[in-house]
C-alpha cells in the first residue's frame, strides 16, 4: 500500500467516525423534535442550531463520499 493509499484510508476512517458522532448527536436530540410534533413545545434555539450544523456537516460528508459515511 502506498503512502497516498494509507492517507486516503485514514481520512476515510476519520470521516466515518465524524459522521457517526454527528449522527449520534442528532439521535440524542430527536426527542425534542418528537415533543415539538406532539405538543408544540418549542425546541431550544441552541439545540436547533446544533442540529442544523450537524445535518449540514453530515450532508457534506455524505456528498463527498458518494453517500456512504
C-alpha atoms as a PDB file:
ATOM      1  CA  UNK A   1       0.000   0.000   0.000  1.00  0.00           C
ATOM      2  CA  UNK A   2       1.372   3.370  -0.977  1.00  0.00           C
ATOM      3  CA  UNK A   3       1.614   6.329   1.350  1.00  0.00           C
ATOM      4  CA  UNK A   4      -1.195   8.047  -0.567  1.00  0.00           C
ATOM      5  CA  UNK A   5      -3.443   4.994  -0.190  1.00  0.00           C
ATOM      6  CA  UNK A   6      -2.733   4.848   3.546  1.00  0.00           C
ATOM      7  CA  UNK A   7      -3.577   8.532   3.930  1.00  0.00           C
ATOM      8  CA  UNK A   8      -6.803   8.118   1.962  1.00  0.00           C
ATOM      9  CA  UNK A   9      -7.760   5.123   4.091  1.00  0.00           C
ATOM     10  CA  UNK A  10      -7.015   7.002   7.315  1.00  0.00           C
ATOM     11  CA  UNK A  11      -9.004  10.020   6.107  1.00  0.00           C
ATOM     12  CA  UNK A  12     -11.905   7.740   5.213  1.00  0.00           C
ATOM     13  CA  UNK A  13     -11.897   6.242   8.707  1.00  0.00           C
ATOM     14  CA  UNK A  14     -11.771   9.716  10.255  1.00  0.00           C
ATOM     15  CA  UNK A  15     -14.700  10.873   8.114  1.00  0.00           C
ATOM     16  CA  UNK A  16     -16.756   7.793   9.013  1.00  0.00           C
ATOM     17  CA  UNK A  17     -16.034   8.386  12.705  1.00  0.00           C
ATOM     18  CA  UNK A  18     -17.038  12.056  12.334  1.00  0.00           C
ATOM     19  CA  UNK A  19     -20.247  11.040  10.564  1.00  0.00           C
ATOM     20  CA  UNK A  20     -21.042   8.555  13.347  1.00  0.00           C
ATOM     21  CA  UNK A  21     -20.538  11.255  16.001  1.00  0.00           C
ATOM     22  CA  UNK A  22     -22.771  13.672  14.099  1.00  0.00           C
ATOM     23  CA  UNK A  23     -25.478  11.034  13.696  1.00  0.00           C
ATOM     24  CA  UNK A  24     -25.266  10.201  17.404  1.00  0.00           C
ATOM     25  CA  UNK A  25     -25.701  13.899  18.204  1.00  0.00           C
ATOM     26  CA  UNK A  26     -28.818  14.022  16.043  1.00  0.00           C
ATOM     27  CA  UNK A  27     -30.140  10.790  17.546  1.00  0.00           C
ATOM     28  CA  UNK A  28     -29.685  12.127  21.068  1.00  0.00           C
ATOM     29  CA  UNK A  29     -31.817  15.194  20.326  1.00  0.00           C
ATOM     30  CA  UNK A  30     -34.548  13.535  18.248  1.00  0.00           C
ATOM     31  CA  UNK A  31     -36.842  13.589  21.263  1.00  0.00           C
ATOM     32  CA  UNK A  32     -37.013  17.384  21.017  1.00  0.00           C
ATOM     33  CA  UNK A  33     -38.405  17.041  17.502  1.00  0.00           C
ATOM     34  CA  UNK A  34     -40.922  14.400  18.590  1.00  0.00           C
ATOM     35  CA  UNK A  35     -42.001  16.531  21.545  1.00  0.00           C
ATOM     36  CA  UNK A  36     -42.456  19.547  19.268  1.00  0.00           C
ATOM     37  CA  UNK A  37     -44.519  17.500  16.801  1.00  0.00           C
ATOM     38  CA  UNK A  38     -46.697  16.082  19.556  1.00  0.00           C
ATOM     39  CA  UNK A  39     -47.126  19.057  21.890  1.00  0.00           C
ATOM     40  CA  UNK A  40     -45.932  22.134  20.035  1.00  0.00           C
ATOM     41  CA  UNK A  41     -43.344  22.859  22.737  1.00  0.00           C
ATOM     42  CA  UNK A  42     -40.561  24.883  21.153  1.00  0.00           C
ATOM     43  CA  UNK A  43     -37.150  23.315  20.566  1.00  0.00           C
ATOM     44  CA  UNK A  44     -34.473  25.416  22.324  1.00  0.00           C
ATOM     45  CA  UNK A  45     -32.537  27.566  19.862  1.00  0.00           C
ATOM     46  CA  UNK A  46     -29.189  26.069  20.928  1.00  0.00           C
ATOM     47  CA  UNK A  47     -30.492  22.583  20.122  1.00  0.00           C
ATOM     48  CA  UNK A  48     -31.935  23.747  16.805  1.00  0.00           C
ATOM     49  CA  UNK A  49     -28.634  25.374  15.862  1.00  0.00           C
ATOM     50  CA  UNK A  50     -26.593  22.300  16.849  1.00  0.00           C
ATOM     51  CA  UNK A  51     -28.921  20.010  14.886  1.00  0.00           C
ATOM     52  CA  UNK A  52     -28.777  22.291  11.851  1.00  0.00           C
ATOM     53  CA  UNK A  53     -24.964  22.313  11.904  1.00  0.00           C
ATOM     54  CA  UNK A  54     -24.820  18.528  12.387  1.00  0.00           C
ATOM     55  CA  UNK A  55     -27.224  17.972   9.482  1.00  0.00           C
ATOM     56  CA  UNK A  56     -25.266  20.260   7.185  1.00  0.00           C
ATOM     57  CA  UNK A  57     -21.937  18.648   8.060  1.00  0.00           C
ATOM     58  CA  UNK A  58     -23.339  15.134   7.739  1.00  0.00           C
ATOM     59  CA  UNK A  59     -24.824  16.008   4.342  1.00  0.00           C
ATOM     60  CA  UNK A  60     -21.480  17.413   3.217  1.00  0.00           C
ATOM     61  CA  UNK A  61     -19.602  14.291   4.330  1.00  0.00           C
ATOM     62  CA  UNK A  62     -22.093  12.046   2.568  1.00  0.00           C
ATOM     63  CA  UNK A  63     -21.935  14.078  -0.635  1.00  0.00           C
ATOM     64  CA  UNK A  64     -18.134  13.994  -0.668  1.00  0.00           C
ATOM     65  CA  UNK A  65     -18.063  10.236  -0.148  1.00  0.00           C
ATOM     66  CA  UNK A  66     -20.790   9.367  -2.604  1.00  0.00           C
ATOM     67  CA  UNK A  67     -23.411   8.941   0.135  1.00  0.00           C
ATOM     68  CA  UNK A  68     -21.512   6.497   2.301  1.00  0.00           C
ATOM     69  CA  UNK A  69     -20.299   7.682   5.737  1.00  0.00           C
END
